[in-house]
Structure formats: C-alpha cells, structure tokens
Amino acid sequence: MKKSEFTQTLAKQINQNQKETGRIIEEFNQLVTKTLKSGDVVGLDIGKFQLKQRQARTATNPATGKKIQVPARVVPVFRPSKRFKDAVLQ
C-alpha cells in the first residue's frame, strides 16, 4: 500500500479529509524521528522504534572481491510486538 492509498483509507476510517490526515501522518513521522534522535524509544501497541548500534565489520565488495572495512554506526529499527505479529499471521 502506497502512502497516498494509506492516507486515503485512514481518512475515510476516521472521517477526516485527506489533507488533514496526511498532515497527521507527517507529524507522526517527524515525532518518531525527533524522539529517536534524542535517544529515546517510541513504544506503540504494534511495536517499538529504537536505535541499534551496529559493530564495525569487514565486508567484501562483490564487484571486485576486495575486502573493505565497514565502520560502526547507529541504525533505526522497528521491533513488532507479539500481539501485532499474531494478528498479522492469523
């Protein structure tokens, strides 16, 4: 489902216009981003958004076969809740 389809469907379900629903979705995205940047976790009924530390590692360039060093970094991750996973898999 594309963002526009999601916005349209959600707008119908909550009896709002698409423009206002799109603004709400954008505000949600910005709030999650801001919260993660501050180092906090965002916990929702469907799961939680958090940052994860990835360790430095050695990788192989598939085009050349040359070994390269991939630096350590922090990446955002989403961990679905058990309830959400069970609902999706039914």
PDB file of N, CA and C in Angstrom:
ATOM      1  N   MET A   1       0.846  -1.165   0.000  1.00  0.00           N
ATOM      2  CA  MET A   1       0.000   0.000   0.000  1.00  0.00           C
ATOM      3  C   MET A   1       0.899   1.237   0.000  1.00  0.00           C
ATOM      4  N   LYS A   2       0.665   2.119  -0.930  1.00  0.00           N
ATOM      5  CA  LYS A   2       1.430   3.357  -1.031  1.00  0.00           C
ATOM      6  C   LYS A   2       0.941   4.348   0.023  1.00  0.00           C
ATOM      7  N   LYS A   3       1.764   5.361   0.289  1.00  0.00           N
ATOM      8  CA  LYS A   3       1.411   6.356   1.299  1.00  0.00           C
ATOM      9  C   LYS A   3       0.090   7.043   0.953  1.00  0.00           C
ATOM     10  N   SER A   4      -0.118   7.356  -0.320  1.00  0.00           N
ATOM     11  CA  SER A   4      -1.363   8.029  -0.718  1.00  0.00           C
ATOM     12  C   SER A   4      -2.577   7.135  -0.480  1.00  0.00           C
ATOM     13  N   GLU A   5      -2.443   5.844  -0.754  1.00  0.00           N
ATOM     14  CA  GLU A   5      -3.535   4.899  -0.508  1.00  0.00           C
ATOM     15  C   GLU A   5      -3.797   4.756   0.996  1.00  0.00           C
ATOM     16  N   PHE A   6      -2.715   4.697   1.759  1.00  0.00           N
ATOM     17  CA  PHE A   6      -2.839   4.604   3.214  1.00  0.00           C
ATOM     18  C   PHE A   6      -3.548   5.833   3.767  1.00  0.00           C
ATOM     19  N   THR A   7      -3.136   7.012   3.301  1.00  0.00           N
ATOM     20  CA  THR A   7      -3.746   8.266   3.750  1.00  0.00           C
ATOM     21  C   THR A   7      -5.232   8.303   3.415  1.00  0.00           C
ATOM     22  N   GLN A   8      -5.573   7.894   2.206  1.00  0.00           N
ATOM     23  CA  GLN A   8      -6.971   7.905   1.770  1.00  0.00           C
ATOM     24  C   GLN A   8      -7.809   6.938   2.617  1.00  0.00           C
ATOM     25  N   THR A   9      -7.309   5.748   2.845  1.00  0.00           N
ATOM     26  CA  THR A   9      -8.032   4.748   3.641  1.00  0.00           C
ATOM     27  C   THR A   9      -8.204   5.210   5.083  1.00  0.00           C
ATOM     28  N   LEU A  10      -7.132   5.731   5.673  1.00  0.00           N
ATOM     29  CA  LEU A  10      -7.208   6.211   7.046  1.00  0.00           C
ATOM     30  C   LEU A  10      -8.165   7.397   7.157  1.00  0.00           C
ATOM     31  N   ALA A  11      -8.140   8.294   6.197  1.00  0.00           N
ATOM     32  CA  ALA A  11      -9.034   9.460   6.202  1.00  0.00           C
ATOM     33  C   ALA A  11     -10.499   9.017   6.233  1.00  0.00           C
ATOM     34  N   LYS A  12     -10.820   8.007   5.454  1.00  0.00           N
ATOM     35  CA  LYS A  12     -12.200   7.501   5.436  1.00  0.00           C
ATOM     36  C   LYS A  12     -12.577   6.881   6.778  1.00  0.00           C
ATOM     37  N   GLN A  13     -11.637   6.137   7.379  1.00  0.00           N
ATOM     38  CA  GLN A  13     -11.931   5.448   8.638  1.00  0.00           C
ATOM     39  C   GLN A  13     -12.116   6.411   9.798  1.00  0.00           C
ATOM     40  N   ILE A  14     -11.432   7.541   9.778  1.00  0.00           N
ATOM     41  CA  ILE A  14     -11.532   8.478  10.899  1.00  0.00           C
ATOM     42  C   ILE A  14     -12.372   9.711  10.551  1.00  0.00           C
ATOM     43  N   ASN A  15     -13.021   9.673   9.392  1.00  0.00           N
ATOM     44  CA  ASN A  15     -13.896  10.759   8.942  1.00  0.00           C
ATOM     45  C   ASN A  15     -13.195  12.119   8.921  1.00  0.00           C
ATOM     46  N   GLN A  16     -12.007  12.146   8.329  1.00  0.00           N
ATOM     47  CA  GLN A  16     -11.247  13.375   8.141  1.00  0.00           C
ATOM     48  C   GLN A  16     -10.943  13.522   6.651  1.00  0.00           C
ATOM     49  N   ASN A  17     -10.576  14.726   6.238  1.00  0.00           N
ATOM     50  CA  ASN A  17     -10.180  14.881   4.840  1.00  0.00           C
ATOM     51  C   ASN A  17      -8.747  14.379   4.665  1.00  0.00           C
ATOM     52  N   GLN A  18      -8.382  14.113   3.423  1.00  0.00           N
ATOM     53  CA  GLN A  18      -7.065  13.538   3.141  1.00  0.00           C
ATOM     54  C   GLN A  18      -5.935  14.494   3.498  1.00  0.00           C
ATOM     55  N   LYS A  19      -6.131  15.777   3.295  1.00  0.00           N
ATOM     56  CA  LYS A  19      -5.080  16.743   3.583  1.00  0.00           C
ATOM     57  C   LYS A  19      -4.740  16.740   5.069  1.00  0.00           C
ATOM     58  N   GLU A  20      -5.758  16.773   5.926  1.00  0.00           N
ATOM     59  CA  GLU A  20      -5.535  16.762   7.370  1.00  0.00           C
ATOM     60  C   GLU A  20      -4.936  15.439   7.817  1.00  0.00           C
ATOM     61  N   THR A  21      -5.402  14.342   7.251  1.00  0.00           N
ATOM     62  CA  THR A  21      -4.860  13.023   7.595  1.00  0.00           C
ATOM     63  C   THR A  21      -3.397  12.930   7.181  1.00  0.00           C
ATOM     64  N   GLY A  22      -3.062  13.445   6.005  1.00  0.00           N
ATOM     65  CA  GLY A  22      -1.669  13.467   5.553  1.00  0.00           C
ATOM     66  C   GLY A  22      -0.787  14.277   6.484  1.00  0.00           C
ATOM     67  N   ARG A  23      -1.324  15.390   6.989  1.00  0.00           N
ATOM     68  CA  ARG A  23      -0.568  16.223   7.928  1.00  0.00           C
ATOM     69  C   ARG A  23      -0.319  15.466   9.234  1.00  0.00           C
ATOM     70  N   ILE A  24      -1.318  14.724   9.700  1.00  0.00           N
ATOM     71  CA  ILE A  24      -1.173  13.937  10.929  1.00  0.00           C
ATOM     72  C   ILE A  24      -0.100  12.861  10.757  1.00  0.00           C
ATOM     73  N   ILE A  25      -0.119  12.205   9.622  1.00  0.00           N
ATOM     74  CA  ILE A  25       0.880  11.164   9.351  1.00  0.00           C
ATOM     75  C   ILE A  25       2.277  11.781   9.308  1.00  0.00           C
ATOM     76  N   GLU A  26       2.415  12.925   8.666  1.00  0.00           N
ATOM     77  CA  GLU A  26       3.714  13.597   8.589  1.00  0.00           C
ATOM     78  C   GLU A  26       4.191  14.029   9.977  1.00  0.00           C
ATOM     79  N   GLU A  27       3.292  14.539  10.797  1.00  0.00           N
ATOM     80  CA  GLU A  27       3.648  14.921  12.171  1.00  0.00           C
ATOM     81  C   GLU A  27       4.092  13.700  12.975  1.00  0.00           C
ATOM     82  N   PHE A  28       3.419  12.571  12.780  1.00  0.00           N
ATOM     83  CA  PHE A  28       3.797  11.322  13.444  1.00  0.00           C
ATOM     84  C   PHE A  28       5.223  10.941  13.045  1.00  0.00           C
ATOM     85  N   ASN A  29       5.512  10.980  11.742  1.00  0.00           N
ATOM     86  CA  ASN A  29       6.856  10.645  11.251  1.00  0.00           C
ATOM     87  C   ASN A  29       7.915  11.555  11.863  1.00  0.00           C
ATOM     88  N   GLN A  30       7.630  12.846  11.919  1.00  0.00           N
ATOM     89  CA  GLN A  30       8.590  13.799  12.481  1.00  0.00           C
ATOM     90  C   GLN A  30       8.797  13.568  13.975  1.00  0.00           C
ATOM     91  N   LEU A  31       7.722  13.250  14.691  1.00  0.00           N
ATOM     92  CA  LEU A  31       7.830  12.998  16.125  1.00  0.00           C
ATOM     93  C   LEU A  31       8.660  11.745  16.398  1.00  0.00           C
ATOM     94  N   VAL A  32       8.443  10.692  15.635  1.00  0.00           N
ATOM     95  CA  VAL A  32       9.238   9.467  15.800  1.00  0.00           C
ATOM     96  C   VAL A  32      10.709   9.776  15.529  1.00  0.00           C
ATOM     97  N   THR A  33      10.987  10.494  14.454  1.00  0.00           N
ATOM     98  CA  THR A  33      12.361  10.839  14.106  1.00  0.00           C
ATOM     99  C   THR A  33      13.022  11.665  15.204  1.00  0.00           C
ATOM    100  N   LYS A  34      12.334  12.686  15.685  1.00  0.00           N
ATOM    101  CA  LYS A  34      12.868  13.563  16.729  1.00  0.00           C
ATOM    102  C   LYS A  34      13.131  12.777  18.017  1.00  0.00           C
ATOM    103  N   THR A  35      12.202  11.899  18.377  1.00  0.00           N
ATOM    104  CA  THR A  35      12.345  11.107  19.598  1.00  0.00           C
ATOM    105  C   THR A  35      13.538  10.164  19.500  1.00  0.00           C
ATOM    106  N   LEU A  36      13.703   9.497  18.356  1.00  0.00           N
ATOM    107  CA  LEU A  36      14.846   8.600  18.174  1.00  0.00           C
ATOM    108  C   LEU A  36      16.157   9.369  18.192  1.00  0.00           C
ATOM    109  N   LYS A  37      16.179  10.546  17.564  1.00  0.00           N
ATOM    110  CA  LYS A  37      17.395  11.367  17.561  1.00  0.00           C
ATOM    111  C   LYS A  37      17.813  11.739  18.985  1.00  0.00           C
ATOM    112  N   SER A  38      16.843  11.916  19.869  1.00  0.00           N
ATOM    113  CA  SER A  38      17.155  12.278  21.258  1.00  0.00           C
ATOM    114  C   SER A  38      17.601  11.064  22.071  1.00  0.00           C
ATOM    115  N   GLY A  39      17.530   9.871  21.477  1.00  0.00           N
ATOM    116  CA  GLY A  39      17.980   8.658  22.159  1.00  0.00           C
ATOM    117  C   GLY A  39      16.885   7.880  22.861  1.00  0.00           C
ATOM    118  N   ASP A  40      15.653   8.340  22.755  1.00  0.00           N
ATOM    119  CA  ASP A  40      14.538   7.643  23.395  1.00  0.00           C
ATOM    120  C   ASP A  40      13.954   6.565  22.476  1.00  0.00           C
ATOM    121  N   VAL A  41      13.155   5.684  23.062  1.00  0.00           N
ATOM    122  CA  VAL A  41      12.452   4.626  22.342  1.00  0.00           C
ATOM    123  C   VAL A  41      10.995   5.052  22.182  1.00  0.00           C
ATOM    124  N   VAL A  42      10.401   4.743  21.030  1.00  0.00           N
ATOM    125  CA  VAL A  42       8.987   5.026  20.791  1.00  0.00           C
ATOM    126  C   VAL A  42       8.245   3.697  20.865  1.00  0.00           C
ATOM    127  N   GLY A  43       7.447   3.526  21.915  1.00  0.00           N
ATOM    128  CA  GLY A  43       6.687   2.293  22.096  1.00  0.00           C
ATOM    129  C   GLY A  43       5.230   2.501  21.733  1.00  0.00           C
ATOM    130  N   LEU A  44       4.726   1.651  20.865  1.00  0.00           N
ATOM    131  CA  LEU A  44       3.330   1.693  20.426  1.00  0.00           C
ATOM    132  C   LEU A  44       2.718   0.312  20.607  1.00  0.00           C
ATOM    133  N   ASP A  45       1.409   0.206  20.405  1.00  0.00           N
ATOM    134  CA  ASP A  45       0.749  -1.104  20.507  1.00  0.00           C
ATOM    135  C   ASP A  45       1.297  -2.104  19.493  1.00  0.00           C
ATOM    136  N   ILE A  46       1.700  -1.630  18.339  1.00  0.00           N
ATOM    137  CA  ILE A  46       2.178  -2.533  17.289  1.00  0.00           C
ATOM    138  C   ILE A  46       3.647  -2.903  17.433  1.00  0.00           C
ATOM    139  N   GLY A  47       4.385  -2.192  18.269  1.00  0.00           N
ATOM    140  CA  GLY A  47       5.797  -2.480  18.469  1.00  0.00           C
ATOM    141  C   GLY A  47       6.540  -1.251  18.921  1.00  0.00           C
ATOM    142  N   LYS A  48       7.872  -1.293  18.772  1.00  0.00           N
ATOM    143  CA  LYS A  48       8.645  -0.132  19.193  1.00  0.00           C
ATOM    144  C   LYS A  48       9.731   0.203  18.186  1.00  0.00           C
ATOM    145  N   PHE A  49       9.947   1.505  18.061  1.00  0.00           N
ATOM    146  CA  PHE A  49      11.026   2.037  17.245  1.00  0.00           C
ATOM    147  C   PHE A  49      12.172   2.357  18.199  1.00  0.00           C
ATOM    148  N   GLN A  50      13.385   1.971  17.819  1.00  0.00           N
ATOM    149  CA  GLN A  50      14.539   2.258  18.653  1.00  0.00           C
ATOM    150  C   GLN A  50      15.792   2.327  17.789  1.00  0.00           C
ATOM    151  N   LEU A  51      16.892   2.773  18.377  1.00  0.00           N
ATOM    152  CA  LEU A  51      18.168   2.816  17.678  1.00  0.00           C
ATOM    153  C   LEU A  51      18.994   1.614  18.110  1.00  0.00           C
ATOM    154  N   LYS A  52      19.755   1.070  17.161  1.00  0.00           N
ATOM    155  CA  LYS A  52      20.594  -0.091  17.448  1.00  0.00           C
ATOM    156  C   LYS A  52      22.016   0.209  16.982  1.00  0.00           C
ATOM    157  N   GLN A  53      22.983  -0.163  17.806  1.00  0.00           N
ATOM    158  CA  GLN A  53      24.392   0.026  17.465  1.00  0.00           C
ATOM    159  C   GLN A  53      24.866  -1.161  16.629  1.00  0.00           C
ATOM    160  N   ARG A  54      25.391  -0.885  15.457  1.00  0.00           N
ATOM    161  CA  ARG A  54      25.988  -1.933  14.615  1.00  0.00           C
ATOM    162  C   ARG A  54      27.498  -1.856  14.766  1.00  0.00           C
ATOM    163  N   GLN A  55      28.137  -2.986  14.966  1.00  0.00           N
ATOM    164  CA  GLN A  55      29.582  -3.026  15.147  1.00  0.00           C
ATOM    165  C   GLN A  55      30.295  -2.901  13.812  1.00  0.00           C
ATOM    166  N   ALA A  56      31.524  -2.441  13.858  1.00  0.00           N
ATOM    167  CA  ALA A  56      32.356  -2.380  12.660  1.00  0.00           C
ATOM    168  C   ALA A  56      32.615  -3.809  12.183  1.00  0.00           C
ATOM    169  N   ARG A  57      32.763  -3.956  10.872  1.00  0.00           N
ATOM    170  CA  ARG A  57      32.993  -5.298  10.336  1.00  0.00           C
ATOM    171  C   ARG A  57      33.771  -5.220   9.027  1.00  0.00           C
ATOM    172  N   THR A  58      34.265  -6.352   8.605  1.00  0.00           N
ATOM    173  CA  THR A  58      34.932  -6.455   7.320  1.00  0.00           C
ATOM    174  C   THR A  58      33.953  -7.078   6.340  1.00  0.00           C
ATOM    175  N   ALA A  59      33.827  -6.456   5.169  1.00  0.00           N
ATOM    176  CA  ALA A  59      32.921  -6.958   4.137  1.00  0.00           C
ATOM    177  C   ALA A  59      33.701  -7.126   2.840  1.00  0.00           C
ATOM    178  N   THR A  60      33.090  -7.796   1.875  1.00  0.00           N
ATOM    179  CA  THR A  60      33.717  -7.999   0.583  1.00  0.00           C
ATOM    180  C   THR A  60      32.923  -7.263  -0.487  1.00  0.00           C
ATOM    181  N   ASN A  61      33.609  -6.456  -1.278  1.00  0.00           N
ATOM    182  CA  ASN A  61      32.984  -5.781  -2.408  1.00  0.00           C
ATOM    183  C   ASN A  61      32.657  -6.841  -3.454  1.00  0.00           C
ATOM    184  N   PRO A  62      31.378  -7.059  -3.777  1.00  0.00           N
ATOM    185  CA  PRO A  62      31.031  -8.139  -4.706  1.00  0.00           C
ATOM    186  C   PRO A  62      31.545  -7.905  -6.132  1.00  0.00           C
ATOM    187  N   ALA A  63      31.757  -6.666  -6.522  1.00  0.00           N
ATOM    188  CA  ALA A  63      32.227  -6.380  -7.877  1.00  0.00           C
ATOM    189  C   ALA A  63      33.714  -6.677  -8.041  1.00  0.00           C
ATOM    190  N   THR A  64      34.512  -6.379  -6.986  1.00  0.00           N
ATOM    191  CA  THR A  64      35.961  -6.539  -7.093  1.00  0.00           C
ATOM    192  C   THR A  64      36.514  -7.678  -6.254  1.00  0.00           C
ATOM    193  N   GLY A  65      35.770  -8.124  -5.271  1.00  0.00           N
ATOM    194  CA  GLY A  65      36.251  -9.156  -4.369  1.00  0.00           C
ATOM    195  C   GLY A  65      37.186  -8.607  -3.300  1.00  0.00           C
ATOM    196  N   LYS A  66      37.383  -7.298  -3.285  1.00  0.00           N
ATOM    197  CA  LYS A  66      38.287  -6.654  -2.341  1.00  0.00           C
ATOM    198  C   LYS A  66      37.629  -6.526  -0.968  1.00  0.00           C
ATOM    199  N   LYS A  67      38.428  -6.745   0.084  1.00  0.00           N
ATOM    200  CA  LYS A  67      37.937  -6.607   1.464  1.00  0.00           C
ATOM    201  C   LYS A  67      37.907  -5.122   1.814  1.00  0.00           C
ATOM    202  N   ILE A  68      36.799  -4.708   2.467  1.00  0.00           N
ATOM    203  CA  ILE A  68      36.675  -3.323   2.906  1.00  0.00           C
ATOM    204  C   ILE A  68      36.209  -3.300   4.357  1.00  0.00           C
ATOM    205  N   GLN A  69      36.539  -2.228   5.057  1.00  0.00           N
ATOM    206  CA  GLN A  69      36.104  -2.050   6.439  1.00  0.00           C
ATOM    207  C   GLN A  69      34.816  -1.233   6.439  1.00  0.00           C
ATOM    208  N   VAL A  70      33.779  -1.762   7.087  1.00  0.00           N
ATOM    209  CA  VAL A  70      32.521  -1.048   7.252  1.00  0.00           C
ATOM    210  C   VAL A  70      32.535  -0.510   8.682  1.00  0.00           C
ATOM    211  N   PRO A  71      32.443   0.816   8.844  1.00  0.00           N
ATOM    212  CA  PRO A  71      32.535   1.390  10.196  1.00  0.00           C
ATOM    213  C   PRO A  71      31.307   1.089  11.053  1.00  0.00           C
ATOM    214  N   ALA A  72      31.479   1.204  12.359  1.00  0.00           N
ATOM    215  CA  ALA A  72      30.355   1.059  13.290  1.00  0.00           C
ATOM    216  C   ALA A  72      29.392   2.210  13.051  1.00  0.00           C
ATOM    217  N   ARG A  73      28.098   1.946  13.284  1.00  0.00           N
ATOM    218  CA  ARG A  73      27.111   3.001  13.097  1.00  0.00           C
ATOM    219  C   ARG A  73      25.848   2.669  13.884  1.00  0.00           C
ATOM    220  N   VAL A  74      25.005   3.667  14.008  1.00  0.00           N
ATOM    221  CA  VAL A  74      23.724   3.514  14.692  1.00  0.00           C
ATOM    222  C   VAL A  74      22.635   3.524  13.629  1.00  0.00           C
ATOM    223  N   VAL A  75      21.699   2.560  13.704  1.00  0.00           N
ATOM    224  CA  VAL A  75      20.619   2.470  12.723  1.00  0.00           C
ATOM    225  C   VAL A  75      19.273   2.375  13.431  1.00  0.00           C
ATOM    226  N   PRO A  76      18.221   2.957  12.836  1.00  0.00           N
ATOM    227  CA  PRO A  76      16.886   2.809  13.423  1.00  0.00           C
ATOM    228  C   PRO A  76      16.322   1.428  13.104  1.00  0.00           C
ATOM    229  N   VAL A  77      15.622   0.835  14.069  1.00  0.00           N
ATOM    230  CA  VAL A  77      14.988  -0.469  13.865  1.00  0.00           C
ATOM    231  C   VAL A  77      13.568  -0.430  14.423  1.00  0.00           C
ATOM    232  N   PHE A  78      12.724  -1.296  13.897  1.00  0.00           N
ATOM    233  CA  PHE A  78      11.367  -1.466  14.404  1.00  0.00           C
ATOM    234  C   PHE A  78      11.235  -2.897  14.882  1.00  0.00           C
ATOM    235  N   ARG A  79      10.780  -3.070  16.111  1.00  0.00           N
ATOM    236  CA  ARG A  79      10.546  -4.400  16.688  1.00  0.00           C
ATOM    237  C   ARG A  79       9.039  -4.578  16.866  1.00  0.00           C
ATOM    238  N   PRO A  80       8.415  -5.432  16.055  1.00  0.00           N
ATOM    239  CA  PRO A  80       6.968  -5.630  16.202  1.00  0.00           C
ATOM    240  C   PRO A  80       6.641  -6.346  17.505  1.00  0.00           C
ATOM    241  N   SER A  81       5.497  -5.994  18.084  1.00  0.00           N
ATOM    242  CA  SER A  81       5.052  -6.637  19.326  1.00  0.00           C
ATOM    243  C   SER A  81       4.495  -8.025  19.010  1.00  0.00           C
ATOM    244  N   LYS A  82       4.438  -8.871  20.017  1.00  0.00           N
ATOM    245  CA  LYS A  82       3.890 -10.216  19.839  1.00  0.00           C
ATOM    246  C   LYS A  82       2.434 -10.139  19.378  1.00  0.00           C
ATOM    247  N   ARG A  83       1.673  -9.247  19.984  1.00  0.00           N
ATOM    248  CA  ARG A  83       0.259  -9.088  19.618  1.00  0.00           C
ATOM    249  C   ARG A  83       0.105  -8.703  18.142  1.00  0.00           C
ATOM    250  N   PHE A  84       0.949  -7.803  17.677  1.00  0.00           N
ATOM    251  CA  PHE A  84       0.911  -7.388  16.279  1.00  0.00           C
ATOM    252  C   PHE A  84       1.287  -8.544  15.352  1.00  0.00           C
ATOM    253  N   LYS A  85       2.354  -9.245  15.691  1.00  0.00           N
ATOM    254  CA  LYS A  85       2.776 -10.389  14.864  1.00  0.00           C
ATOM    255  C   LYS A  85       1.688 -11.453  14.795  1.00  0.00           C
ATOM    256  N   ASP A  86       1.070 -11.758  15.940  1.00  0.00           N
ATOM    257  CA  ASP A  86       0.000 -12.758  15.978  1.00  0.00           C
ATOM    258  C   ASP A  86      -1.189 -12.316  15.126  1.00  0.00           C
ATOM    259  N   ALA A  87      -1.543 -11.023  15.181  1.00  0.00           N
ATOM    260  CA  ALA A  87      -2.677 -10.517  14.393  1.00  0.00           C
ATOM    261  C   ALA A  87      -2.395 -10.602  12.899  1.00  0.00           C
ATOM    262  N   VAL A  88      -1.192 -10.321  12.487  1.00  0.00           N
ATOM    263  CA  VAL A  88      -0.816 -10.364  11.067  1.00  0.00           C
ATOM    264  C   VAL A  88      -0.792 -11.797  10.554  1.00  0.00           C
ATOM    265  N   LEU A  89      -0.347 -12.717  11.385  1.00  0.00           N
ATOM    266  CA  LEU A  89      -0.197 -14.107  10.956  1.00  0.00           C
ATOM    267  C   LEU A  89      -1.477 -14.927  11.017  1.00  0.00           C
ATOM    268  N   GLN A  90      -2.562 -14.372  11.545  1.00  0.00           N
ATOM    269  CA  GLN A  90      -3.830 -15.127  11.615  1.00  0.00           C
ATOM    270  C   GLN A  90      -4.494 -15.157  10.272  1.00  0.00           C
TER     271      GLN A  90
END
